Amino acid sequence: MKYILISPEELQEIISATLKAEIPKLIHPVQDNNQNYNNEEYMSRQDAAAFLHCSLVTLYHYEKNGKLIPLRLGRKILYPKQSLINAMKGIDSS
């Protein structure tokens, strides 16, 4: 096993350079996802059921069967409008 001796300052420079290079790569996808969430319109359970012309129970079954994937914020359940439109296409064809 080989050991490489470096000074604490050199180690600090290596770590600093690596972090400066890697952190922007990690932050960029998170910012992109936040922009997608901000641009998308969401509906409550009641609004989603009215939009799909179904009951809250049917909406629950669509969720459990994987036809709809809601966004949960604490106790609040929101459905992206685009996923409701896509689900309508899938529900109509099945």
PDB file of N, CA and C in Angstrom:
ATOM      1  N   MET A   1       0.847  -1.169   0.000  1.00  0.00           N
ATOM      2  CA  MET A   1       0.000   0.000   0.000  1.00  0.00           C
ATOM      3  C   MET A   1       0.896   1.235   0.000  1.00  0.00           C
ATOM      4  N   LYS A   2       0.582   2.185  -0.873  1.00  0.00           N
ATOM      5  CA  LYS A   2       1.360   3.423  -0.953  1.00  0.00           C
ATOM      6  C   LYS A   2       0.635   4.532  -0.211  1.00  0.00           C
ATOM      7  N   TYR A   3       1.399   5.366   0.408  1.00  0.00           N
ATOM      8  CA  TYR A   3       0.868   6.551   1.064  1.00  0.00           C
ATOM      9  C   TYR A   3       1.406   7.783   0.362  1.00  0.00           C
ATOM     10  N   ILE A   4       0.533   8.746   0.195  1.00  0.00           N
ATOM     11  CA  ILE A   4       0.927  10.007  -0.425  1.00  0.00           C
ATOM     12  C   ILE A   4       0.853  11.076   0.650  1.00  0.00           C
ATOM     13  N   LEU A   5       1.907  11.804   0.803  1.00  0.00           N
ATOM     14  CA  LEU A   5       1.943  12.866   1.799  1.00  0.00           C
ATOM     15  C   LEU A   5       1.642  14.201   1.137  1.00  0.00           C
ATOM     16  N   ILE A   6       0.632  14.866   1.666  1.00  0.00           N
ATOM     17  CA  ILE A   6       0.324  16.212   1.212  1.00  0.00           C
ATOM     18  C   ILE A   6       0.085  17.077   2.438  1.00  0.00           C
ATOM     19  N   SER A   7       0.263  18.344   2.236  1.00  0.00           N
ATOM     20  CA  SER A   7       0.073  19.270   3.349  1.00  0.00           C
ATOM     21  C   SER A   7      -1.420  19.531   3.547  1.00  0.00           C
ATOM     22  N   PRO A   8      -1.813  19.996   4.722  1.00  0.00           N
ATOM     23  CA  PRO A   8      -3.229  20.335   4.942  1.00  0.00           C
ATOM     24  C   PRO A   8      -3.745  21.379   3.956  1.00  0.00           C
ATOM     25  N   GLU A   9      -2.888  22.317   3.571  1.00  0.00           N
ATOM     26  CA  GLU A   9      -3.296  23.345   2.618  1.00  0.00           C
ATOM     27  C   GLU A   9      -3.586  22.741   1.249  1.00  0.00           C
ATOM     28  N   GLU A  10      -2.746  21.783   0.819  1.00  0.00           N
ATOM     29  CA  GLU A  10      -2.967  21.119  -0.466  1.00  0.00           C
ATOM     30  C   GLU A  10      -4.264  20.308  -0.442  1.00  0.00           C
ATOM     31  N   LEU A  11      -4.499  19.634   0.673  1.00  0.00           N
ATOM     32  CA  LEU A  11      -5.738  18.875   0.812  1.00  0.00           C
ATOM     33  C   LEU A  11      -6.943  19.802   0.754  1.00  0.00           C
ATOM     34  N   GLN A  12      -6.833  20.938   1.403  1.00  0.00           N
ATOM     35  CA  GLN A  12      -7.923  21.904   1.396  1.00  0.00           C
ATOM     36  C   GLN A  12      -8.172  22.418  -0.021  1.00  0.00           C
ATOM     37  N   GLU A  13      -7.124  22.683  -0.775  1.00  0.00           N
ATOM     38  CA  GLU A  13      -7.275  23.140  -2.159  1.00  0.00           C
ATOM     39  C   GLU A  13      -7.927  22.067  -3.030  1.00  0.00           C
ATOM     40  N   ILE A  14      -7.540  20.821  -2.848  1.00  0.00           N
ATOM     41  CA  ILE A  14      -8.113  19.729  -3.636  1.00  0.00           C
ATOM     42  C   ILE A  14      -9.601  19.588  -3.332  1.00  0.00           C
ATOM     43  N   ILE A  15      -9.933  19.616  -2.046  1.00  0.00           N
ATOM     44  CA  ILE A  15     -11.338  19.493  -1.658  1.00  0.00           C
ATOM     45  C   ILE A  15     -12.141  20.676  -2.173  1.00  0.00           C
ATOM     46  N   SER A  16     -11.602  21.866  -2.041  1.00  0.00           N
ATOM     47  CA  SER A  16     -12.291  23.065  -2.488  1.00  0.00           C
ATOM     48  C   SER A  16     -12.536  23.030  -3.998  1.00  0.00           C
ATOM     49  N   ALA A  17     -11.521  22.655  -4.758  1.00  0.00           N
ATOM     50  CA  ALA A  17     -11.665  22.591  -6.217  1.00  0.00           C
ATOM     51  C   ALA A  17     -12.696  21.542  -6.620  1.00  0.00           C
ATOM     52  N   THR A  18     -12.675  20.416  -5.945  1.00  0.00           N
ATOM     53  CA  THR A  18     -13.635  19.349  -6.254  1.00  0.00           C
ATOM     54  C   THR A  18     -15.059  19.790  -5.944  1.00  0.00           C
ATOM     55  N   LEU A  19     -15.262  20.419  -4.794  1.00  0.00           N
ATOM     56  CA  LEU A  19     -16.593  20.885  -4.431  1.00  0.00           C
ATOM     57  C   LEU A  19     -17.097  21.957  -5.383  1.00  0.00           C
ATOM     58  N   LYS A  20     -16.224  22.880  -5.780  1.00  0.00           N
ATOM     59  CA  LYS A  20     -16.624  23.929  -6.727  1.00  0.00           C
ATOM     60  C   LYS A  20     -17.052  23.332  -8.061  1.00  0.00           C
ATOM     61  N   ALA A  21     -16.438  22.231  -8.439  1.00  0.00           N
ATOM     62  CA  ALA A  21     -16.791  21.599  -9.704  1.00  0.00           C
ATOM     63  C   ALA A  21     -18.061  20.765  -9.594  1.00  0.00           C
ATOM     64  N   GLU A  22     -18.293  20.111  -8.471  1.00  0.00           N
ATOM     65  CA  GLU A  22     -19.398  19.172  -8.343  1.00  0.00           C
ATOM     66  C   GLU A  22     -20.705  19.788  -7.860  1.00  0.00           C
ATOM     67  N   ILE A  23     -20.664  20.791  -7.010  1.00  0.00           N
ATOM     68  CA  ILE A  23     -21.892  21.368  -6.454  1.00  0.00           C
ATOM     69  C   ILE A  23     -22.806  21.940  -7.539  1.00  0.00           C
ATOM     70  N   PRO A  24     -22.302  22.685  -8.512  1.00  0.00           N
ATOM     71  CA  PRO A  24     -23.218  23.168  -9.564  1.00  0.00           C
ATOM     72  C   PRO A  24     -23.912  22.035 -10.330  1.00  0.00           C
ATOM     73  N   LYS A  25     -23.238  20.907 -10.481  1.00  0.00           N
ATOM     74  CA  LYS A  25     -23.853  19.762 -11.165  1.00  0.00           C
ATOM     75  C   LYS A  25     -25.011  19.205 -10.353  1.00  0.00           C
ATOM     76  N   LEU A  26     -24.885  19.258  -9.036  1.00  0.00           N
ATOM     77  CA  LEU A  26     -25.931  18.736  -8.168  1.00  0.00           C
ATOM     78  C   LEU A  26     -27.091  19.711  -8.033  1.00  0.00           C
ATOM     79  N   ILE A  27     -26.812  20.999  -8.023  1.00  0.00           N
ATOM     80  CA  ILE A  27     -27.844  22.012  -7.828  1.00  0.00           C
ATOM     81  C   ILE A  27     -28.676  22.200  -9.084  1.00  0.00           C
ATOM     82  N   HIS A  28     -28.089  22.120 -10.242  1.00  0.00           N
ATOM     83  CA  HIS A  28     -28.780  22.388 -11.507  1.00  0.00           C
ATOM     84  C   HIS A  28     -30.023  21.514 -11.708  1.00  0.00           C
ATOM     85  N   PRO A  29     -29.959  20.186 -11.522  1.00  0.00           N
ATOM     86  CA  PRO A  29     -31.192  19.390 -11.698  1.00  0.00           C
ATOM     87  C   PRO A  29     -32.285  19.768 -10.709  1.00  0.00           C
ATOM     88  N   VAL A  30     -31.941  20.126  -9.493  1.00  0.00           N
ATOM     89  CA  VAL A  30     -32.939  20.521  -8.505  1.00  0.00           C
ATOM     90  C   VAL A  30     -33.629  21.801  -8.947  1.00  0.00           C
ATOM     91  N   GLN A  31     -32.881  22.751  -9.469  1.00  0.00           N
ATOM     92  CA  GLN A  31     -33.471  23.996  -9.948  1.00  0.00           C
ATOM     93  C   GLN A  31     -34.391  23.728 -11.124  1.00  0.00           C
ATOM     94  N   ASP A  32     -34.010  22.824 -12.025  1.00  0.00           N
ATOM     95  CA  ASP A  32     -34.860  22.487 -13.165  1.00  0.00           C
ATOM     96  C   ASP A  32     -36.170  21.871 -12.699  1.00  0.00           C
ATOM     97  N   ASN A  33     -36.113  20.973 -11.720  1.00  0.00           N
ATOM     98  CA  ASN A  33     -37.337  20.356 -11.204  1.00  0.00           C
ATOM     99  C   ASN A  33     -38.237  21.389 -10.558  1.00  0.00           C
ATOM    100  N   ASN A  34     -37.667  22.335  -9.818  1.00  0.00           N
ATOM    101  CA  ASN A  34     -38.478  23.372  -9.185  1.00  0.00           C
ATOM    102  C   ASN A  34     -39.164  24.233 -10.232  1.00  0.00           C
ATOM    103  N   GLN A  35     -38.489  24.520 -11.323  1.00  0.00           N
ATOM    104  CA  GLN A  35     -39.103  25.315 -12.382  1.00  0.00           C
ATOM    105  C   GLN A  35     -40.270  24.556 -12.997  1.00  0.00           C
ATOM    106  N   ASN A  36     -40.136  23.243 -13.155  1.00  0.00           N
ATOM    107  CA  ASN A  36     -41.241  22.444 -13.695  1.00  0.00           C
ATOM    108  C   ASN A  36     -42.437  22.476 -12.766  1.00  0.00           C
ATOM    109  N   TYR A  37     -42.202  22.367 -11.455  1.00  0.00           N
ATOM    110  CA  TYR A  37     -43.304  22.411 -10.505  1.00  0.00           C
ATOM    111  C   TYR A  37     -43.970  23.777 -10.504  1.00  0.00           C
ATOM    112  N   ASN A  38     -43.186  24.833 -10.645  1.00  0.00           N
ATOM    113  CA  ASN A  38     -43.745  26.179 -10.593  1.00  0.00           C
ATOM    114  C   ASN A  38     -44.588  26.493 -11.820  1.00  0.00           C
ATOM    115  N   ASN A  39     -44.275  25.903 -12.951  1.00  0.00           N
ATOM    116  CA  ASN A  39     -44.999  26.200 -14.177  1.00  0.00           C
ATOM    117  C   ASN A  39     -46.250  25.339 -14.341  1.00  0.00           C
ATOM    118  N   GLU A  40     -46.376  24.294 -13.539  1.00  0.00           N
ATOM    119  CA  GLU A  40     -47.468  23.361 -13.717  1.00  0.00           C
ATOM    120  C   GLU A  40     -48.677  23.751 -12.869  1.00  0.00           C
ATOM    121  N   GLU A  41     -49.854  23.509 -13.394  1.00  0.00           N
ATOM    122  CA  GLU A  41     -51.091  23.809 -12.680  1.00  0.00           C
ATOM    123  C   GLU A  41     -51.533  22.567 -11.911  1.00  0.00           C
ATOM    124  N   TYR A  42     -51.950  22.757 -10.664  1.00  0.00           N
ATOM    125  CA  TYR A  42     -52.366  21.651  -9.805  1.00  0.00           C
ATOM    126  C   TYR A  42     -53.827  21.787  -9.423  1.00  0.00           C
ATOM    127  N   MET A  43     -54.449  20.637  -9.147  1.00  0.00           N
ATOM    128  CA  MET A  43     -55.850  20.615  -8.747  1.00  0.00           C
ATOM    129  C   MET A  43     -55.995  19.837  -7.450  1.00  0.00           C
ATOM    130  N   SER A  44     -56.947  20.275  -6.632  1.00  0.00           N
ATOM    131  CA  SER A  44     -57.259  19.549  -5.400  1.00  0.00           C
ATOM    132  C   SER A  44     -58.002  18.264  -5.763  1.00  0.00           C
ATOM    133  N   ARG A  45     -58.261  17.425  -4.767  1.00  0.00           N
ATOM    134  CA  ARG A  45     -58.997  16.181  -5.018  1.00  0.00           C
ATOM    135  C   ARG A  45     -60.385  16.476  -5.576  1.00  0.00           C
ATOM    136  N   GLN A  46     -61.058  17.455  -4.991  1.00  0.00           N
ATOM    137  CA  GLN A  46     -62.406  17.789  -5.444  1.00  0.00           C
ATOM    138  C   GLN A  46     -62.385  18.310  -6.882  1.00  0.00           C
ATOM    139  N   ASP A  47     -61.433  19.195  -7.171  1.00  0.00           N
ATOM    140  CA  ASP A  47     -61.331  19.739  -8.527  1.00  0.00           C
ATOM    141  C   ASP A  47     -60.957  18.649  -9.533  1.00  0.00           C
ATOM    142  N   ALA A  48     -60.058  17.743  -9.130  1.00  0.00           N
ATOM    143  CA  ALA A  48     -59.647  16.662 -10.025  1.00  0.00           C
ATOM    144  C   ALA A  48     -60.816  15.729 -10.314  1.00  0.00           C
ATOM    145  N   ALA A  49     -61.606  15.417  -9.282  1.00  0.00           N
ATOM    146  CA  ALA A  49     -62.773  14.550  -9.487  1.00  0.00           C
ATOM    147  C   ALA A  49     -63.775  15.218 -10.428  1.00  0.00           C
ATOM    148  N   ALA A  50     -63.998  16.509 -10.249  1.00  0.00           N
ATOM    149  CA  ALA A  50     -64.913  17.231 -11.142  1.00  0.00           C
ATOM    150  C   ALA A  50     -64.361  17.265 -12.564  1.00  0.00           C
ATOM    151  N   PHE A  51     -63.055  17.458 -12.692  1.00  0.00           N
ATOM    152  CA  PHE A  51     -62.410  17.513 -14.003  1.00  0.00           C
ATOM    153  C   PHE A  51     -62.552  16.179 -14.733  1.00  0.00           C
ATOM    154  N   LEU A  52     -62.414  15.066 -13.996  1.00  0.00           N
ATOM    155  CA  LEU A  52     -62.513  13.733 -14.597  1.00  0.00           C
ATOM    156  C   LEU A  52     -63.946  13.206 -14.642  1.00  0.00           C
ATOM    157  N   HIS A  53     -64.894  13.979 -14.085  1.00  0.00           N
ATOM    158  CA  HIS A  53     -66.300  13.556 -14.017  1.00  0.00           C
ATOM    159  C   HIS A  53     -66.425  12.214 -13.303  1.00  0.00           C
ATOM    160  N   CYS A  54     -65.798  12.139 -12.118  1.00  0.00           N
ATOM    161  CA  CYS A  54     -65.871  10.916 -11.325  1.00  0.00           C
ATOM    162  C   CYS A  54     -66.003  11.285  -9.846  1.00  0.00           C
ATOM    163  N   SER A  55     -66.230  10.285  -9.016  1.00  0.00           N
ATOM    164  CA  SER A  55     -66.352  10.524  -7.578  1.00  0.00           C
ATOM    165  C   SER A  55     -64.968  10.518  -6.930  1.00  0.00           C
ATOM    166  N   LEU A  56     -64.913  10.953  -5.669  1.00  0.00           N
ATOM    167  CA  LEU A  56     -63.657  10.918  -4.922  1.00  0.00           C
ATOM    168  C   LEU A  56     -63.195   9.476  -4.706  1.00  0.00           C
ATOM    169  N   VAL A  57     -64.130   8.563  -4.583  1.00  0.00           N
ATOM    170  CA  VAL A  57     -63.785   7.147  -4.415  1.00  0.00           C
ATOM    171  C   VAL A  57     -63.108   6.619  -5.677  1.00  0.00           C
ATOM    172  N   THR A  58     -63.668   6.966  -6.834  1.00  0.00           N
ATOM    173  CA  THR A  58     -63.066   6.545  -8.105  1.00  0.00           C
ATOM    174  C   THR A  58     -61.682   7.151  -8.258  1.00  0.00           C
ATOM    175  N   LEU A  59     -61.537   8.402  -7.866  1.00  0.00           N
ATOM    176  CA  LEU A  59     -60.233   9.053  -7.912  1.00  0.00           C
ATOM    177  C   LEU A  59     -59.234   8.299  -7.035  1.00  0.00           C
ATOM    178  N   TYR A  60     -59.686   7.884  -5.863  1.00  0.00           N
ATOM    179  CA  TYR A  60     -58.853   7.096  -4.953  1.00  0.00           C
ATOM    180  C   TYR A  60     -58.430   5.786  -5.618  1.00  0.00           C
ATOM    181  N   HIS A  61     -59.352   5.109  -6.297  1.00  0.00           N
ATOM    182  CA  HIS A  61     -59.030   3.846  -6.970  1.00  0.00           C
ATOM    183  C   HIS A  61     -58.049   4.070  -8.130  1.00  0.00           C
ATOM    184  N   TYR A  62     -58.203   5.155  -8.862  1.00  0.00           N
ATOM    185  CA  TYR A  62     -57.250   5.474  -9.926  1.00  0.00           C
ATOM    186  C   TYR A  62     -55.849   5.645  -9.343  1.00  0.00           C
ATOM    187  N   GLU A  63     -55.784   6.288  -8.183  1.00  0.00           N
ATOM    188  CA  GLU A  63     -54.488   6.493  -7.535  1.00  0.00           C
ATOM    189  C   GLU A  63     -53.896   5.153  -7.093  1.00  0.00           C
ATOM    190  N   LYS A  64     -54.693   4.310  -6.459  1.00  0.00           N
ATOM    191  CA  LYS A  64     -54.207   3.020  -5.967  1.00  0.00           C
ATOM    192  C   LYS A  64     -53.814   2.083  -7.100  1.00  0.00           C
ATOM    193  N   ASN A  65     -54.474   2.200  -8.248  1.00  0.00           N
ATOM    194  CA  ASN A  65     -54.145   1.366  -9.411  1.00  0.00           C
ATOM    195  C   ASN A  65     -52.975   1.920 -10.216  1.00  0.00           C
ATOM    196  N   GLY A  66     -52.472   3.092  -9.828  1.00  0.00           N
ATOM    197  CA  GLY A  66     -51.329   3.677 -10.522  1.00  0.00           C
ATOM    198  C   GLY A  66     -51.689   4.499 -11.739  1.00  0.00           C
ATOM    199  N   LYS A  67     -52.962   4.751 -11.974  1.00  0.00           N
ATOM    200  CA  LYS A  67     -53.357   5.560 -13.128  1.00  0.00           C
ATOM    201  C   LYS A  67     -53.110   7.045 -12.877  1.00  0.00           C
ATOM    202  N   LEU A  68     -53.131   7.445 -11.598  1.00  0.00           N
ATOM    203  CA  LEU A  68     -52.847   8.826 -11.210  1.00  0.00           C
ATOM    204  C   LEU A  68     -51.796   8.828 -10.104  1.00  0.00           C
ATOM    205  N   ILE A  69     -50.886   9.763 -10.173  1.00  0.00           N
ATOM    206  CA  ILE A  69     -49.878   9.905  -9.132  1.00  0.00           C
ATOM    207  C   ILE A  69     -49.982  11.323  -8.578  1.00  0.00           C
ATOM    208  N   PRO A  70     -50.503  11.454  -7.363  1.00  0.00           N
ATOM    209  CA  PRO A  70     -50.673  12.791  -6.784  1.00  0.00           C
ATOM    210  C   PRO A  70     -49.380  13.310  -6.146  1.00  0.00           C
ATOM    211  N   LEU A  71     -49.368  14.579  -5.902  1.00  0.00           N
ATOM    212  CA  LEU A  71     -48.302  15.234  -5.153  1.00  0.00           C
ATOM    213  C   LEU A  71     -48.847  15.459  -3.752  1.00  0.00           C
ATOM    214  N   ARG A  72     -48.160  14.954  -2.756  1.00  0.00           N
ATOM    215  CA  ARG A  72     -48.631  15.083  -1.375  1.00  0.00           C
ATOM    216  C   ARG A  72     -47.788  16.117  -0.650  1.00  0.00           C
ATOM    217  N   LEU A  73     -48.466  17.117  -0.105  1.00  0.00           N
ATOM    218  CA  LEU A  73     -47.826  18.149   0.700  1.00  0.00           C
ATOM    219  C   LEU A  73     -48.464  18.101   2.077  1.00  0.00           C
ATOM    220  N   GLY A  74     -47.858  17.330   2.970  1.00  0.00           N
ATOM    221  CA  GLY A  74     -48.478  17.120   4.270  1.00  0.00           C
ATOM    222  C   GLY A  74     -49.748  16.317   4.077  1.00  0.00           C
ATOM    223  N   ARG A  75     -50.874  16.864   4.518  1.00  0.00           N
ATOM    224  CA  ARG A  75     -52.163  16.194   4.342  1.00  0.00           C
ATOM    225  C   ARG A  75     -52.848  16.586   3.043  1.00  0.00           C
ATOM    226  N   LYS A  76     -52.311  17.578   2.370  1.00  0.00           N
ATOM    227  CA  LYS A  76     -52.929  18.070   1.139  1.00  0.00           C
ATOM    228  C   LYS A  76     -52.496  17.201  -0.042  1.00  0.00           C
ATOM    229  N   ILE A  77     -53.452  16.851  -0.872  1.00  0.00           N
ATOM    230  CA  ILE A  77     -53.197  16.035  -2.059  1.00  0.00           C
ATOM    231  C   ILE A  77     -53.516  16.877  -3.284  1.00  0.00           C
ATOM    232  N   LEU A  78     -52.536  16.999  -4.171  1.00  0.00           N
ATOM    233  CA  LEU A  78     -52.710  17.776  -5.395  1.00  0.00           C
ATOM    234  C   LEU A  78     -52.398  16.901  -6.599  1.00  0.00           C
ATOM    235  N   TYR A  79     -53.123  17.134  -7.664  1.00  0.00           N
ATOM    236  CA  TYR A  79     -52.913  16.399  -8.905  1.00  0.00           C
ATOM    237  C   TYR A  79     -52.474  17.373  -9.994  1.00  0.00           C
ATOM    238  N   PRO A  80     -51.346  17.097 -10.655  1.00  0.00           N
ATOM    239  CA  PRO A  80     -50.959  17.940 -11.789  1.00  0.00           C
ATOM    240  C   PRO A  80     -52.003  17.821 -12.901  1.00  0.00           C
ATOM    241  N   LYS A  81     -52.410  18.951 -13.440  1.00  0.00           N
ATOM    242  CA  LYS A  81     -53.464  18.951 -14.463  1.00  0.00           C
ATOM    243  C   LYS A  81     -53.052  18.120 -15.667  1.00  0.00           C
ATOM    244  N   GLN A  82     -51.782  18.198 -16.050  1.00  0.00           N
ATOM    245  CA  GLN A  82     -51.324  17.440 -17.213  1.00  0.00           C
ATOM    246  C   GLN A  82     -51.435  15.934 -16.964  1.00  0.00           C
ATOM    247  N   SER A  83     -51.176  15.485 -15.736  1.00  0.00           N
ATOM    248  CA  SER A  83     -51.312  14.050 -15.460  1.00  0.00           C
ATOM    249  C   SER A  83     -52.774  13.632 -15.486  1.00  0.00           C
ATOM    250  N   LEU A  84     -53.684  14.542 -15.126  1.00  0.00           N
ATOM    251  CA  LEU A  84     -55.112  14.226 -15.230  1.00  0.00           C
ATOM    252  C   LEU A  84     -55.522  14.083 -16.692  1.00  0.00           C
ATOM    253  N   ILE A  85     -55.003  14.954 -17.530  1.00  0.00           N
ATOM    254  CA  ILE A  85     -55.304  14.873 -18.972  1.00  0.00           C
ATOM    255  C   ILE A  85     -54.762  13.567 -19.540  1.00  0.00           C
ATOM    256  N   ASN A  86     -53.520  13.220 -19.164  1.00  0.00           N
ATOM    257  CA  ASN A  86     -52.927  11.964 -19.636  1.00  0.00           C
ATOM    258  C   ASN A  86     -53.709  10.766 -19.116  1.00  0.00           C
ATOM    259  N   ALA A  87     -54.161  10.837 -17.875  1.00  0.00           N
ATOM    260  CA  ALA A  87     -54.940   9.736 -17.299  1.00  0.00           C
ATOM    261  C   ALA A  87     -56.273   9.582 -18.028  1.00  0.00           C
ATOM    262  N   MET A  88     -56.883  10.699 -18.408  1.00  0.00           N
ATOM    263  CA  MET A  88     -58.153  10.623 -19.142  1.00  0.00           C
ATOM    264  C   MET A  88     -57.960   9.872 -20.449  1.00  0.00           C
ATOM    265  N   LYS A  89     -56.856  10.101 -21.108  1.00  0.00           N
ATOM    266  CA  LYS A  89     -56.576   9.389 -22.351  1.00  0.00           C
ATOM    267  C   LYS A  89     -56.425   7.902 -22.092  1.00  0.00           C
ATOM    268  N   GLY A  90     -55.713   7.547 -21.004  1.00  0.00           N
ATOM    269  CA  GLY A  90     -55.515   6.147 -20.656  1.00  0.00           C
ATOM    270  C   GLY A  90     -56.778   5.484 -20.156  1.00  0.00           C
ATOM    271  N   ILE A  91     -57.593   6.202 -19.413  1.00  0.00           N
ATOM    272  CA  ILE A  91     -58.832   5.648 -18.879  1.00  0.00           C
ATOM    273  C   ILE A  91     -59.837   5.431 -20.001  1.00  0.00           C
ATOM    274  N   ASP A  92     -59.897   6.349 -20.938  1.00  0.00           N
ATOM    275  CA  ASP A  92     -60.832   6.227 -22.059  1.00  0.00           C
ATOM    276  C   ASP A  92     -60.488   5.031 -22.942  1.00  0.00           C
ATOM    277  N   SER A  93     -59.196   4.767 -23.108  1.00  0.00           N
ATOM    278  CA  SER A  93     -58.789   3.688 -23.994  1.00  0.00           C
ATOM    279  C   SER A  93     -58.853   2.318 -23.345  1.00  0.00           C
ATOM    280  N   SER A  94     -58.926   2.266 -21.999  1.00  0.00           N
ATOM    281  CA  SER A  94     -58.959   0.946 -21.340  1.00  0.00           C
ATOM    282  C   SER A  94     -60.359   0.486 -21.054  1.00  0.00           C
TER     283      SER A  94
END
